[in-house]
Full PDB file with SEQRES, HELIX, SHEET, SSBOND, CRYST1, ORIGX, SCALE, CONECT and MASTER records, all heavy atoms in Angstrom:
SEQRES   1 A   44  ASP ASN VAL ARG GLN ILE THR VAL ASP GLU ALA VAL GLU          
SEQRES   2 A   44  ILE ALA LEU ARG ARG ASN PRO GLN LEU LEU GLN ALA TYR          
SEQRES   3 A   44  SER GLN ILE GLU MET ALA GLU HIS ASN GLN LEU SER ALA          
SEQRES   4 A   44  ILE GLY GLN LEU LEU                                          
HELIX    1 AA1 VAL A    8  ARG A   18  1                                  11    
HELIX    2 AA2 PRO A   20  GLY A   41  1                                  22    
CRYST1    1.000    1.000    1.000  90.00  90.00  90.00 P 1           1          
ORIGX1      1.000000  0.000000  0.000000        0.00000                         
ORIGX2      0.000000  1.000000  0.000000        0.00000                         
ORIGX3      0.000000  0.000000  1.000000        0.00000                         
SCALE1      1.000000  0.000000  0.000000        0.00000                         
SCALE2      0.000000  1.000000  0.000000        0.00000                         
SCALE3      0.000000  0.000000  1.000000        0.00000                         
ATOM      1  N   ASP A   1      -0.457  -7.221  30.744  1.00  0.00           N  
ATOM      2  CA  ASP A   1       0.770  -7.457  31.489  1.00  0.00           C  
ATOM      3  C   ASP A   1       1.982  -7.483  30.571  1.00  0.00           C  
ATOM      4  O   ASP A   1       3.100  -7.229  31.016  1.00  0.00           O  
ATOM      5  CB  ASP A   1       0.666  -8.785  32.257  1.00  0.00           C  
ATOM      6  CG  ASP A   1      -0.340  -8.692  33.398  1.00  0.00           C  
ATOM      7  OD1 ASP A   1      -0.611  -7.554  33.831  1.00  0.00           O  
ATOM      8  OD2 ASP A   1      -0.842  -9.732  33.842  1.00  0.00           O  
ATOM      9  N   ASN A   2       1.777  -7.827  29.300  1.00  0.00           N  
ATOM     10  CA  ASN A   2       2.881  -7.948  28.355  1.00  0.00           C  
ATOM     11  C   ASN A   2       2.778  -6.897  27.259  1.00  0.00           C  
ATOM     12  O   ASN A   2       2.814  -7.214  26.080  1.00  0.00           O  
ATOM     13  CB  ASN A   2       2.899  -9.350  27.739  1.00  0.00           C  
ATOM     14  CG  ASN A   2       3.099 -10.427  28.800  1.00  0.00           C  
ATOM     15  OD1 ASN A   2       3.885 -10.257  29.720  1.00  0.00           O  
ATOM     16  ND2 ASN A   2       2.382 -11.528  28.660  1.00  0.00           N  
ATOM     17  N   VAL A   3       2.629  -5.650  27.635  1.00  0.00           N  
ATOM     18  CA  VAL A   3       2.526  -4.557  26.670  1.00  0.00           C  
ATOM     19  C   VAL A   3       3.920  -4.192  26.178  1.00  0.00           C  
ATOM     20  O   VAL A   3       4.822  -3.927  26.977  1.00  0.00           O  
ATOM     21  CB  VAL A   3       1.843  -3.328  27.295  1.00  0.00           C  
ATOM     22  CG1 VAL A   3       1.799  -2.183  26.294  1.00  0.00           C  
ATOM     23  CG2 VAL A   3       0.446  -3.690  27.757  1.00  0.00           C  
ATOM     24  N   ARG A   4       4.083  -4.180  24.860  1.00  0.00           N  
ATOM     25  CA  ARG A   4       5.364  -3.778  24.278  1.00  0.00           C  
ATOM     26  C   ARG A   4       5.327  -2.274  24.045  1.00  0.00           C  
ATOM     27  O   ARG A   4       4.493  -1.768  23.305  1.00  0.00           O  
ATOM     28  CB  ARG A   4       5.607  -4.522  22.968  1.00  0.00           C  
ATOM     29  CG  ARG A   4       6.932  -4.176  22.307  1.00  0.00           C  
ATOM     30  CD  ARG A   4       7.256  -5.174  21.204  1.00  0.00           C  
ATOM     31  NE  ARG A   4       6.279  -5.097  20.121  1.00  0.00           N  
ATOM     32  CZ  ARG A   4       6.417  -4.349  19.032  1.00  0.00           C  
ATOM     33  NH1 ARG A   4       7.499  -3.588  18.900  1.00  0.00           N  
ATOM     34  NH2 ARG A   4       5.509  -4.359  18.090  1.00  0.00           N  
ATOM     35  N   GLN A   5       6.241  -1.560  24.655  1.00  0.00           N  
ATOM     36  CA  GLN A   5       6.256  -0.107  24.562  1.00  0.00           C  
ATOM     37  C   GLN A   5       6.937   0.327  23.263  1.00  0.00           C  
ATOM     38  O   GLN A   5       8.031  -0.137  22.939  1.00  0.00           O  
ATOM     39  CB  GLN A   5       6.981   0.500  25.766  1.00  0.00           C  
ATOM     40  CG  GLN A   5       6.274   0.249  27.089  1.00  0.00           C  
ATOM     41  CD  GLN A   5       6.964   0.925  28.250  1.00  0.00           C  
ATOM     42  OE1 GLN A   5       8.092   1.404  28.129  1.00  0.00           O  
ATOM     43  NE2 GLN A   5       6.302   0.994  29.388  1.00  0.00           N  
ATOM     44  N   ILE A   6       6.281   1.222  22.539  1.00  0.00           N  
ATOM     45  CA  ILE A   6       6.807   1.734  21.276  1.00  0.00           C  
ATOM     46  C   ILE A   6       6.604   3.246  21.236  1.00  0.00           C  
ATOM     47  O   ILE A   6       5.738   3.798  21.918  1.00  0.00           O  
ATOM     48  CB  ILE A   6       6.116   1.085  20.054  1.00  0.00           C  
ATOM     49  CG1 ILE A   6       4.604   1.356  20.093  1.00  0.00           C  
ATOM     50  CG2 ILE A   6       6.401  -0.397  19.983  1.00  0.00           C  
ATOM     51  CD1 ILE A   6       3.868   0.838  18.864  1.00  0.00           C  
ATOM     52  N   THR A   7       7.401   3.904  20.411  1.00  0.00           N  
ATOM     53  CA  THR A   7       7.235   5.338  20.202  1.00  0.00           C  
ATOM     54  C   THR A   7       6.150   5.580  19.161  1.00  0.00           C  
ATOM     55  O   THR A   7       5.700   4.655  18.474  1.00  0.00           O  
ATOM     56  CB  THR A   7       8.553   5.973  19.743  1.00  0.00           C  
ATOM     57  OG1 THR A   7       8.901   5.430  18.455  1.00  0.00           O  
ATOM     58  CG2 THR A   7       9.674   5.681  20.727  1.00  0.00           C  
ATOM     59  N   VAL A   8       5.763   6.833  19.024  1.00  0.00           N  
ATOM     60  CA  VAL A   8       4.716   7.151  18.052  1.00  0.00           C  
ATOM     61  C   VAL A   8       5.221   6.925  16.626  1.00  0.00           C  
ATOM     62  O   VAL A   8       4.461   6.488  15.744  1.00  0.00           O  
ATOM     63  CB  VAL A   8       4.234   8.605  18.245  1.00  0.00           C  
ATOM     64  CG1 VAL A   8       5.361   9.604  17.997  1.00  0.00           C  
ATOM     65  CG2 VAL A   8       3.033   8.898  17.355  1.00  0.00           C  
ATOM     66  N   ASP A   9       6.508   7.182  16.381  1.00  0.00           N  
ATOM     67  CA  ASP A   9       7.057   6.922  15.044  1.00  0.00           C  
ATOM     68  C   ASP A   9       7.063   5.429  14.728  1.00  0.00           C  
ATOM     69  O   ASP A   9       6.789   5.023  13.590  1.00  0.00           O  
ATOM     70  CB  ASP A   9       8.476   7.484  14.936  1.00  0.00           C  
ATOM     71  CG  ASP A   9       8.503   9.006  14.987  1.00  0.00           C  
ATOM     72  OD1 ASP A   9       7.481   9.622  14.603  1.00  0.00           O  
ATOM     73  OD2 ASP A   9       9.518   9.580  15.411  1.00  0.00           O  
ATOM     74  N   GLU A  10       7.370   4.607  15.711  1.00  0.00           N  
ATOM     75  CA  GLU A  10       7.314   3.159  15.502  1.00  0.00           C  
ATOM     76  C   GLU A  10       5.889   2.693  15.256  1.00  0.00           C  
ATOM     77  O   GLU A  10       5.647   1.802  14.432  1.00  0.00           O  
ATOM     78  CB  GLU A  10       7.914   2.435  16.715  1.00  0.00           C  
ATOM     79  CG  GLU A  10       9.404   2.629  16.876  1.00  0.00           C  
ATOM     80  CD  GLU A  10       9.944   2.041  18.172  1.00  0.00           C  
ATOM     81  OE1 GLU A  10       9.140   1.866  19.129  1.00  0.00           O  
ATOM     82  OE2 GLU A  10      11.150   1.770  18.249  1.00  0.00           O  
ATOM     83  N   ALA A  11       4.930   3.291  15.964  1.00  0.00           N  
ATOM     84  CA  ALA A  11       3.527   2.936  15.751  1.00  0.00           C  
ATOM     85  C   ALA A  11       3.087   3.275  14.329  1.00  0.00           C  
ATOM     86  O   ALA A  11       2.384   2.488  13.677  1.00  0.00           O  
ATOM     87  CB  ALA A  11       2.641   3.665  16.770  1.00  0.00           C  
ATOM     88  N   VAL A  12       3.506   4.435  13.840  1.00  0.00           N  
ATOM     89  CA  VAL A  12       3.159   4.831  12.468  1.00  0.00           C  
ATOM     90  C   VAL A  12       3.794   3.875  11.466  1.00  0.00           C  
ATOM     91  O   VAL A  12       3.158   3.455  10.486  1.00  0.00           O  
ATOM     92  CB  VAL A  12       3.607   6.280  12.202  1.00  0.00           C  
ATOM     93  CG1 VAL A  12       3.492   6.616  10.724  1.00  0.00           C  
ATOM     94  CG2 VAL A  12       2.771   7.255  13.028  1.00  0.00           C  
ATOM     95  N   GLU A  13       5.054   3.510  11.706  1.00  0.00           N  
ATOM     96  CA  GLU A  13       5.748   2.602  10.784  1.00  0.00           C  
ATOM     97  C   GLU A  13       5.053   1.251  10.714  1.00  0.00           C  
ATOM     98  O   GLU A  13       4.884   0.681   9.627  1.00  0.00           O  
ATOM     99  CB  GLU A  13       7.198   2.440  11.243  1.00  0.00           C  
ATOM    100  CG  GLU A  13       8.017   1.536  10.335  1.00  0.00           C  
ATOM    101  CD  GLU A  13       9.438   1.351  10.839  1.00  0.00           C  
ATOM    102  OE1 GLU A  13       9.797   1.987  11.853  1.00  0.00           O  
ATOM    103  OE2 GLU A  13      10.185   0.566  10.226  1.00  0.00           O  
ATOM    104  N   ILE A  14       4.630   0.729  11.843  1.00  0.00           N  
ATOM    105  CA  ILE A  14       3.927  -0.564  11.848  1.00  0.00           C  
ATOM    106  C   ILE A  14       2.600  -0.450  11.106  1.00  0.00           C  
ATOM    107  O   ILE A  14       2.227  -1.324  10.320  1.00  0.00           O  
ATOM    108  CB  ILE A  14       3.706  -1.034  13.298  1.00  0.00           C  
ATOM    109  CG1 ILE A  14       5.047  -1.296  13.985  1.00  0.00           C  
ATOM    110  CG2 ILE A  14       2.858  -2.303  13.330  1.00  0.00           C  
ATOM    111  CD1 ILE A  14       4.917  -1.612  15.462  1.00  0.00           C  
ATOM    112  N   ALA A  15       1.881   0.640  11.340  1.00  0.00           N  
ATOM    113  CA  ALA A  15       0.577   0.815  10.700  1.00  0.00           C  
ATOM    114  C   ALA A  15       0.705   0.917   9.191  1.00  0.00           C  
ATOM    115  O   ALA A  15      -0.126   0.383   8.446  1.00  0.00           O  
ATOM    116  CB  ALA A  15      -0.127   2.049  11.265  1.00  0.00           C  
ATOM    117  N   LEU A  16       1.739   1.596   8.722  1.00  0.00           N  
ATOM    118  CA  LEU A  16       1.921   1.755   7.279  1.00  0.00           C  
ATOM    119  C   LEU A  16       2.228   0.424   6.597  1.00  0.00           C  
ATOM    120  O   LEU A  16       2.015   0.281   5.389  1.00  0.00           O  
ATOM    121  CB  LEU A  16       3.036   2.761   6.991  1.00  0.00           C  
ATOM    122  CG  LEU A  16       2.751   4.206   7.415  1.00  0.00           C  
ATOM    123  CD1 LEU A  16       3.929   5.104   7.064  1.00  0.00           C  
ATOM    124  CD2 LEU A  16       1.479   4.720   6.767  1.00  0.00           C  
ATOM    125  N   ARG A  17       2.747  -0.531   7.353  1.00  0.00           N  
ATOM    126  CA  ARG A  17       3.027  -1.850   6.784  1.00  0.00           C  
ATOM    127  C   ARG A  17       1.839  -2.786   6.859  1.00  0.00           C  
ATOM    128  O   ARG A  17       1.691  -3.669   6.011  1.00  0.00           O  
ATOM    129  CB  ARG A  17       4.206  -2.504   7.512  1.00  0.00           C  
ATOM    130  CG  ARG A  17       5.537  -1.826   7.309  1.00  0.00           C  
ATOM    131  CD  ARG A  17       6.674  -2.777   7.687  1.00  0.00           C  
ATOM    132  NE  ARG A  17       6.439  -3.438   8.974  1.00  0.00           N  
ATOM    133  CZ  ARG A  17       6.936  -3.016  10.123  1.00  0.00           C  
ATOM    134  NH1 ARG A  17       7.686  -1.930  10.153  1.00  0.00           N  
ATOM    135  NH2 ARG A  17       6.695  -3.666  11.244  1.00  0.00           N  
ATOM    136  N   ARG A  18       0.974  -2.595   7.837  1.00  0.00           N  
ATOM    137  CA  ARG A  18      -0.048  -3.596   8.120  1.00  0.00           C  
ATOM    138  C   ARG A  18      -1.479  -3.132   7.880  1.00  0.00           C  
ATOM    139  O   ARG A  18      -2.382  -3.964   7.836  1.00  0.00           O  
ATOM    140  CB  ARG A  18       0.059  -4.066   9.583  1.00  0.00           C  
ATOM    141  CG  ARG A  18       1.346  -4.806   9.904  1.00  0.00           C  
ATOM    142  CD  ARG A  18       1.408  -5.135  11.385  1.00  0.00           C  
ATOM    143  NE  ARG A  18       2.535  -5.987  11.714  1.00  0.00           N  
ATOM    144  CZ  ARG A  18       2.485  -7.313  11.738  1.00  0.00           C  
ATOM    145  NH1 ARG A  18       1.355  -7.921  11.458  1.00  0.00           N  
ATOM    146  NH2 ARG A  18       3.553  -8.021  12.044  1.00  0.00           N  
ATOM    147  N   ASN A  19      -1.695  -1.848   7.727  1.00  0.00           N  
ATOM    148  CA  ASN A  19      -3.071  -1.356   7.655  1.00  0.00           C  
ATOM    149  C   ASN A  19      -3.783  -1.861   6.399  1.00  0.00           C  
ATOM    150  O   ASN A  19      -3.277  -1.685   5.279  1.00  0.00           O  
ATOM    151  CB  ASN A  19      -3.079   0.171   7.679  1.00  0.00           C  
ATOM    152  CG  ASN A  19      -4.474   0.737   7.780  1.00  0.00           C  
ATOM    153  OD1 ASN A  19      -5.113   0.997   6.784  1.00  0.00           O  
ATOM    154  ND2 ASN A  19      -4.952   0.915   8.994  1.00  0.00           N  
ATOM    155  N   PRO A  20      -4.952  -2.495   6.521  1.00  0.00           N  
ATOM    156  CA  PRO A  20      -5.658  -3.027   5.344  1.00  0.00           C  
ATOM    157  C   PRO A  20      -6.092  -1.941   4.363  1.00  0.00           C  
ATOM    158  O   PRO A  20      -6.106  -2.167   3.147  1.00  0.00           O  
ATOM    159  CB  PRO A  20      -6.878  -3.738   5.957  1.00  0.00           C  
ATOM    160  CG  PRO A  20      -6.512  -3.997   7.378  1.00  0.00           C  
ATOM    161  CD  PRO A  20      -5.619  -2.865   7.771  1.00  0.00           C  
ATOM    162  N   GLN A  21      -6.450  -0.768   4.854  1.00  0.00           N  
ATOM    163  CA  GLN A  21      -6.872   0.317   3.969  1.00  0.00           C  
ATOM    164  C   GLN A  21      -5.745   0.726   3.027  1.00  0.00           C  
ATOM    165  O   GLN A  21      -5.972   0.974   1.840  1.00  0.00           O  
ATOM    166  CB  GLN A  21      -7.329   1.515   4.802  1.00  0.00           C  
ATOM    167  CG  GLN A  21      -7.839   2.690   3.984  1.00  0.00           C  
ATOM    168  CD  GLN A  21      -8.229   3.873   4.852  1.00  0.00           C  
ATOM    169  OE1 GLN A  21      -8.130   3.824   6.075  1.00  0.00           O  
ATOM    170  NE2 GLN A  21      -8.654   4.945   4.229  1.00  0.00           N  
ATOM    171  N   LEU A  22      -4.520   0.770   3.538  1.00  0.00           N  
ATOM    172  CA  LEU A  22      -3.390   1.134   2.698  1.00  0.00           C  
ATOM    173  C   LEU A  22      -3.082   0.039   1.673  1.00  0.00           C  
ATOM    174  O   LEU A  22      -2.728   0.332   0.528  1.00  0.00           O  
ATOM    175  CB  LEU A  22      -2.157   1.381   3.561  1.00  0.00           C  
ATOM    176  CG  LEU A  22      -2.048   2.760   4.214  1.00  0.00           C  
ATOM    177  CD1 LEU A  22      -0.742   2.876   4.976  1.00  0.00           C  
ATOM    178  CD2 LEU A  22      -2.156   3.850   3.181  1.00  0.00           C  
ATOM    179  N   LEU A  23      -3.215  -1.202   2.085  1.00  0.00           N  
ATOM    180  CA  LEU A  23      -2.979  -2.300   1.150  1.00  0.00           C  
ATOM    181  C   LEU A  23      -3.987  -2.267   0.003  1.00  0.00           C  
ATOM    182  O   LEU A  23      -3.646  -2.527  -1.158  1.00  0.00           O  
ATOM    183  CB  LEU A  23      -3.046  -3.637   1.890  1.00  0.00           C  
ATOM    184  CG  LEU A  23      -1.966  -3.862   2.965  1.00  0.00           C  
ATOM    185  CD1 LEU A  23      -2.170  -5.194   3.666  1.00  0.00           C  
ATOM    186  CD2 LEU A  23      -0.577  -3.787   2.364  1.00  0.00           C  
ATOM    187  N   GLN A  24      -5.231  -1.941   0.304  1.00  0.00           N  
ATOM    188  CA  GLN A  24      -6.236  -1.815  -0.748  1.00  0.00           C  
ATOM    189  C   GLN A  24      -5.909  -0.642  -1.675  1.00  0.00           C  
ATOM    190  O   GLN A  24      -6.062  -0.742  -2.904  1.00  0.00           O  
ATOM    191  CB  GLN A  24      -7.619  -1.632  -0.127  1.00  0.00           C  
ATOM    192  CG  GLN A  24      -8.116  -2.854   0.628  1.00  0.00           C  
ATOM    193  CD  GLN A  24      -9.428  -2.594   1.335  1.00  0.00           C  
ATOM    194  OE1 GLN A  24      -9.977  -1.497   1.258  1.00  0.00           O  
ATOM    195  NE2 GLN A  24      -9.940  -3.589   2.027  1.00  0.00           N  
ATOM    196  N   ALA A  25      -5.464   0.470  -1.105  1.00  0.00           N  
ATOM    197  CA  ALA A  25      -5.109   1.631  -1.923  1.00  0.00           C  
ATOM    198  C   ALA A  25      -3.924   1.314  -2.831  1.00  0.00           C  
ATOM    199  O   ALA A  25      -3.872   1.763  -3.981  1.00  0.00           O  
ATOM    200  CB  ALA A  25      -4.789   2.831  -1.024  1.00  0.00           C  
ATOM    201  N   TYR A  26      -2.973   0.534  -2.327  1.00  0.00           N  
ATOM    202  CA  TYR A  26      -1.832   0.163  -3.161  1.00  0.00           C  
ATOM    203  C   TYR A  26      -2.251  -0.741  -4.313  1.00  0.00           C  
ATOM    204  O   TYR A  26      -1.718  -0.641  -5.425  1.00  0.00           O  
ATOM    205  CB  TYR A  26      -0.771  -0.526  -2.315  1.00  0.00           C  
ATOM    206  CG  TYR A  26       0.494  -0.836  -3.081  1.00  0.00           C  
ATOM    207  CD1 TYR A  26       1.408   0.166  -3.384  1.00  0.00           C  
ATOM    208  CD2 TYR A  26       0.768  -2.123  -3.504  1.00  0.00           C  
ATOM    209  CE1 TYR A  26       2.557  -0.110  -4.101  1.00  0.00           C  
ATOM    210  CE2 TYR A  26       1.927  -2.409  -4.225  1.00  0.00           C  
ATOM    211  CZ  TYR A  26       2.817  -1.405  -4.515  1.00  0.00           C  
ATOM    212  OH  TYR A  26       3.950  -1.676  -5.222  1.00  0.00           O  
ATOM    213  N   SER A  27      -3.203  -1.631  -4.084  1.00  0.00           N  
ATOM    214  CA  SER A  27      -3.688  -2.479  -5.171  1.00  0.00           C  
ATOM    215  C   SER A  27      -4.370  -1.653  -6.258  1.00  0.00           C  
ATOM    216  O   SER A  27      -4.313  -2.005  -7.443  1.00  0.00           O  
ATOM    217  CB  SER A  27      -4.661  -3.540  -4.623  1.00  0.00           C  
ATOM    218  OG  SER A  27      -5.849  -2.927  -4.136  1.00  0.00           O  
ATOM    219  N   GLN A  28      -4.981  -0.536  -5.884  1.00  0.00           N  
ATOM    220  CA  GLN A  28      -5.568   0.351  -6.889  1.00  0.00           C  
ATOM    221  C   GLN A  28      -4.490   0.994  -7.765  1.00  0.00           C  
ATOM    222  O   GLN A  28      -4.694   1.200  -8.966  1.00  0.00           O  
ATOM    223  CB  GLN A  28      -6.400   1.442  -6.193  1.00  0.00           C  
ATOM    224  CG  GLN A  28      -7.623   0.924  -5.454  1.00  0.00           C  
ATOM    225  CD  GLN A  28      -8.645   0.309  -6.409  1.00  0.00           C  
ATOM    226  OE1 GLN A  28      -8.814   0.775  -7.545  1.00  0.00           O  
ATOM    227  NE2 GLN A  28      -9.321  -0.728  -5.946  1.00  0.00           N  
ATOM    228  N   ILE A  29      -3.324   1.295  -7.179  1.00  0.00           N  
ATOM    229  CA  ILE A  29      -2.208   1.814  -7.974  1.00  0.00           C  
ATOM    230  C   ILE A  29      -1.744   0.765  -8.972  1.00  0.00           C  
ATOM    231  O   ILE A  29      -1.481   1.077 -10.154  1.00  0.00           O  
ATOM    232  CB  ILE A  29      -1.054   2.244  -7.050  1.00  0.00           C  
ATOM    233  CG1 ILE A  29      -1.485   3.426  -6.166  1.00  0.00           C  
ATOM    234  CG2 ILE A  29       0.174   2.627  -7.862  1.00  0.00           C  
ATOM    235  CD1 ILE A  29      -0.413   3.878  -5.200  1.00  0.00           C  
ATOM    236  N   GLU A  30      -1.631  -0.467  -8.545  1.00  0.00           N  
ATOM    237  CA  GLU A  30      -1.209  -1.535  -9.449  1.00  0.00           C  
ATOM    238  C   GLU A  30      -2.203  -1.718 -10.600  1.00  0.00           C  
ATOM    239  O   GLU A  30      -1.805  -1.932 -11.753  1.00  0.00           O  
ATOM    240  CB  GLU A  30      -1.042  -2.838  -8.679  1.00  0.00           C  
ATOM    241  CG  GLU A  30       0.101  -2.802  -7.670  1.00  0.00           C  
ATOM    242  CD  GLU A  30       0.242  -4.106  -6.906  1.00  0.00           C  
ATOM    243  OE1 GLU A  30      -0.810  -4.753  -6.662  1.00  0.00           O  
ATOM    244  OE2 GLU A  30       1.359  -4.489  -6.557  1.00  0.00           O  
ATOM    245  N   MET A  31      -3.496  -1.627 -10.284  1.00  0.00           N  
ATOM    246  CA  MET A  31      -4.496  -1.729 -11.349  1.00  0.00           C  
ATOM    247  C   MET A  31      -4.364  -0.580 -12.342  1.00  0.00           C  
ATOM    248  O   MET A  31      -4.493  -0.773 -13.562  1.00  0.00           O  
ATOM    249  CB  MET A  31      -5.893  -1.763 -10.733  1.00  0.00           C  
ATOM    250  CG  MET A  31      -6.204  -3.017  -9.924  1.00  0.00           C  
ATOM    251  SD  MET A  31      -7.836  -2.969  -9.146  1.00  0.00           S  
ATOM    252  CE  MET A  31      -8.890  -2.799 -10.581  1.00  0.00           C  
ATOM    253  N   ALA A  32      -4.109   0.633 -11.843  1.00  0.00           N  
ATOM    254  CA  ALA A  32      -3.941   1.782 -12.730  1.00  0.00           C  
ATOM    255  C   ALA A  32      -2.710   1.612 -13.613  1.00  0.00           C  
ATOM    256  O   ALA A  32      -2.721   1.987 -14.794  1.00  0.00           O  
ATOM    257  CB  ALA A  32      -3.828   3.064 -11.895  1.00  0.00           C  
ATOM    258  N   GLU A  33      -1.642   1.041 -13.070  1.00  0.00           N  
ATOM    259  CA  GLU A  33      -0.439   0.810 -13.882  1.00  0.00           C  
ATOM    260  C   GLU A  33      -0.704  -0.207 -14.978  1.00  0.00           C  
ATOM    261  O   GLU A  33      -0.193  -0.081 -16.100  1.00  0.00           O  
ATOM    262  CB  GLU A  33       0.700   0.346 -12.972  1.00  0.00           C  
ATOM    263  CG  GLU A  33       1.219   1.444 -12.038  1.00  0.00           C  
ATOM    264  CD  GLU A  33       2.263   0.924 -11.071  1.00  0.00           C  
ATOM    265  OE1 GLU A  33       2.372  -0.320 -10.939  1.00  0.00           O  
ATOM    266  OE2 GLU A  33       2.954   1.745 -10.437  1.00  0.00           O  
ATOM    267  N   HIS A  34      -1.500  -1.232 -14.695  1.00  0.00           N  
ATOM    268  CA  HIS A  34      -1.843  -2.206 -15.730  1.00  0.00           C  
ATOM    269  C   HIS A  34      -2.782  -1.595 -16.773  1.00  0.00           C  
ATOM    270  O   HIS A  34      -2.732  -1.971 -17.949  1.00  0.00           O  
ATOM    271  CB  HIS A  34      -2.471  -3.451 -15.100  1.00  0.00           C  
ATOM    272  CG  HIS A  34      -1.466  -4.397 -14.510  1.00  0.00           C  
ATOM    273  ND1 HIS A  34      -0.869  -4.178 -13.287  1.00  0.00           N  
ATOM    274  CD2 HIS A  34      -0.928  -5.546 -14.989  1.00  0.00           C  
ATOM    275  CE1 HIS A  34      -0.031  -5.166 -13.025  1.00  0.00           C  
ATOM    276  NE2 HIS A  34      -0.038  -6.005 -14.043  1.00  0.00           N  
ATOM    277  N   ASN A  35      -3.619  -0.665 -16.357  1.00  0.00           N  
ATOM    278  CA  ASN A  35      -4.447   0.052 -17.347  1.00  0.00           C  
ATOM    279  C   ASN A  35      -3.570   0.863 -18.292  1.00  0.00           C  
ATOM    280  O   ASN A  35      -3.852   0.958 -19.500  1.00  0.00           O  
ATOM    281  CB  ASN A  35      -5.438   0.964 -16.624  1.00  0.00           C  
ATOM    282  CG  ASN A  35      -6.519   0.189 -15.894  1.00  0.00           C  
ATOM    283  OD1 ASN A  35      -6.812  -0.963 -16.242  1.00  0.00           O  
ATOM    284  ND2 ASN A  35      -7.114   0.802 -14.891  1.00  0.00           N  
ATOM    285  N   GLN A  36      -2.504   1.456 -17.768  1.00  0.00           N  
ATOM    286  CA  GLN A  36      -1.581   2.185 -18.634  1.00  0.00           C  
ATOM    287  C   GLN A  36      -0.872   1.229 -19.591  1.00  0.00           C  
ATOM    288  O   GLN A  36      -0.668   1.553 -20.773  1.00  0.00           O  
ATOM    289  CB  GLN A  36      -0.546   2.932 -17.785  1.00  0.00           C  
ATOM    290  CG  GLN A  36       0.486   3.676 -18.626  1.00  0.00           C  
ATOM    291  CD  GLN A  36       1.522   4.385 -17.777  1.00  0.00           C  
ATOM    292  OE1 GLN A  36       1.569   5.609 -17.733  1.00  0.00           O  
ATOM    293  NE2 GLN A  36       2.361   3.624 -17.086  1.00  0.00           N  
ATOM    294  N   LEU A  37      -0.497   0.058 -19.101  1.00  0.00           N  
ATOM    295  CA  LEU A  37       0.145  -0.922 -19.982  1.00  0.00           C  
ATOM    296  C   LEU A  37      -0.794  -1.328 -21.112  1.00  0.00           C  
ATOM    297  O   LEU A  37      -0.367  -1.478 -22.273  1.00  0.00           O  
ATOM    298  CB  LEU A  37       0.559  -2.146 -19.162  1.00  0.00           C  
ATOM    299  CG  LEU A  37       1.300  -3.255 -19.915  1.00  0.00           C  
ATOM    300  CD1 LEU A  37       2.625  -2.734 -20.459  1.00  0.00           C  
ATOM    301  CD2 LEU A  37       1.529  -4.456 -19.001  1.00  0.00           C  
ATOM    302  N   SER A  38      -2.088  -1.478 -20.798  1.00  0.00           N  
ATOM    303  CA  SER A  38      -3.068  -1.810 -21.830  1.00  0.00           C  
ATOM    304  C   SER A  38      -3.215  -0.675 -22.840  1.00  0.00           C  
ATOM    305  O   SER A  38      -3.347  -0.916 -24.048  1.00  0.00           O  
ATOM    306  CB  SER A  38      -4.419  -2.116 -21.184  1.00  0.00           C  
ATOM    307  OG  SER A  38      -5.402  -2.386 -22.152  1.00  0.00           O  
ATOM    308  N   ALA A  39      -3.168   0.574 -22.369  1.00  0.00           N  
ATOM    309  CA  ALA A  39      -3.262   1.722 -23.280  1.00  0.00           C  
ATOM    310  C   ALA A  39      -2.043   1.810 -24.186  1.00  0.00           C  
ATOM    311  O   ALA A  39      -2.151   2.156 -25.368  1.00  0.00           O  
ATOM    312  CB  ALA A  39      -3.431   3.008 -22.478  1.00  0.00           C  
ATOM    313  N   ILE A  40      -0.857   1.481 -23.658  1.00  0.00           N  
ATOM    314  CA  ILE A  40       0.345   1.466 -24.491  1.00  0.00           C  
ATOM    315  C   ILE A  40       0.243   0.382 -25.550  1.00  0.00           C  
ATOM    316  O   ILE A  40       0.676   0.555 -26.701  1.00  0.00           O  
ATOM    317  CB  ILE A  40       1.595   1.265 -23.606  1.00  0.00           C  
ATOM    318  CG1 ILE A  40       1.806   2.482 -22.703  1.00  0.00           C  
ATOM    319  CG2 ILE A  40       2.836   1.027 -24.462  1.00  0.00           C  
ATOM    320  CD1 ILE A  40       2.940   2.314 -21.713  1.00  0.00           C  
ATOM    321  N   GLY A  41      -0.365  -0.744 -25.171  1.00  0.00           N  
ATOM    322  CA  GLY A  41      -0.519  -1.836 -26.117  1.00  0.00           C  
ATOM    323  C   GLY A  41      -1.381  -1.483 -27.314  1.00  0.00           C  
ATOM    324  O   GLY A  41      -1.220  -2.076 -28.399  1.00  0.00           O  
ATOM    325  N   GLN A  42      -2.274  -0.509 -27.166  1.00  0.00           N  
ATOM    326  CA  GLN A  42      -3.098  -0.094 -28.300  1.00  0.00           C  
ATOM    327  C   GLN A  42      -2.275   0.600 -29.390  1.00  0.00           C  
ATOM    328  O   GLN A  42      -2.700   0.660 -30.543  1.00  0.00           O  
ATOM    329  CB  GLN A  42      -4.210   0.846 -27.818  1.00  0.00           C  
ATOM    330  CG  GLN A  42      -5.223   0.191 -26.902  1.00  0.00           C  
ATOM    331  CD  GLN A  42      -6.306   1.158 -26.468  1.00  0.00           C  
ATOM    332  OE1 GLN A  42      -6.400   2.267 -26.996  1.00  0.00           O  
ATOM    333  NE2 GLN A  42      -7.130   0.743 -25.519  1.00  0.00           N  
ATOM    334  N   LEU A  43      -1.092   1.119 -29.039  1.00  0.00           N  
ATOM    335  CA  LEU A  43      -0.233   1.778 -30.015  1.00  0.00           C  
ATOM    336  C   LEU A  43       0.655   0.787 -30.763  1.00  0.00           C  
ATOM    337  O   LEU A  43       1.369   1.181 -31.688  1.00  0.00           O  
ATOM    338  CB  LEU A  43       0.639   2.826 -29.312  1.00  0.00           C  
ATOM    339  CG  LEU A  43      -0.108   3.952 -28.592  1.00  0.00           C  
ATOM    340  CD1 LEU A  43       0.883   4.832 -27.835  1.00  0.00           C  
ATOM    341  CD2 LEU A  43      -0.919   4.780 -29.575  1.00  0.00           C  
ATOM    342  N   LEU A  44       0.644  -0.460 -30.367  1.00  0.00           N  
ATOM    343  CA  LEU A  44       1.492  -1.482 -30.978  1.00  0.00           C  
ATOM    344  C   LEU A  44       0.670  -2.378 -31.892  1.00  0.00           C  
ATOM    345  O   LEU A  44      -0.554  -2.515 -31.716  1.00  0.00           O  
ATOM    346  CB  LEU A  44       2.175  -2.312 -29.887  1.00  0.00           C  
ATOM    347  CG  LEU A  44       3.024  -1.525 -28.873  1.00  0.00           C  
ATOM    348  CD1 LEU A  44       3.573  -2.456 -27.818  1.00  0.00           C  
ATOM    349  CD2 LEU A  44       4.149  -0.785 -29.579  1.00  0.00           C  
TER     350      LEU A  44                                                      
MASTER        0    0    0    2    0    0    0    6  349    1    0    4          
END                                                                             
């Protein structure tokens, strides 16, 4: 009875903010960036 109507673009925008699969993929990017920081540290 209380369905909020949204467009397909709004649905995609909400999913990109809330989807757990994307959040996990983003954490993998952060881990890769810290691996690069560790590799740079080997030159110091």
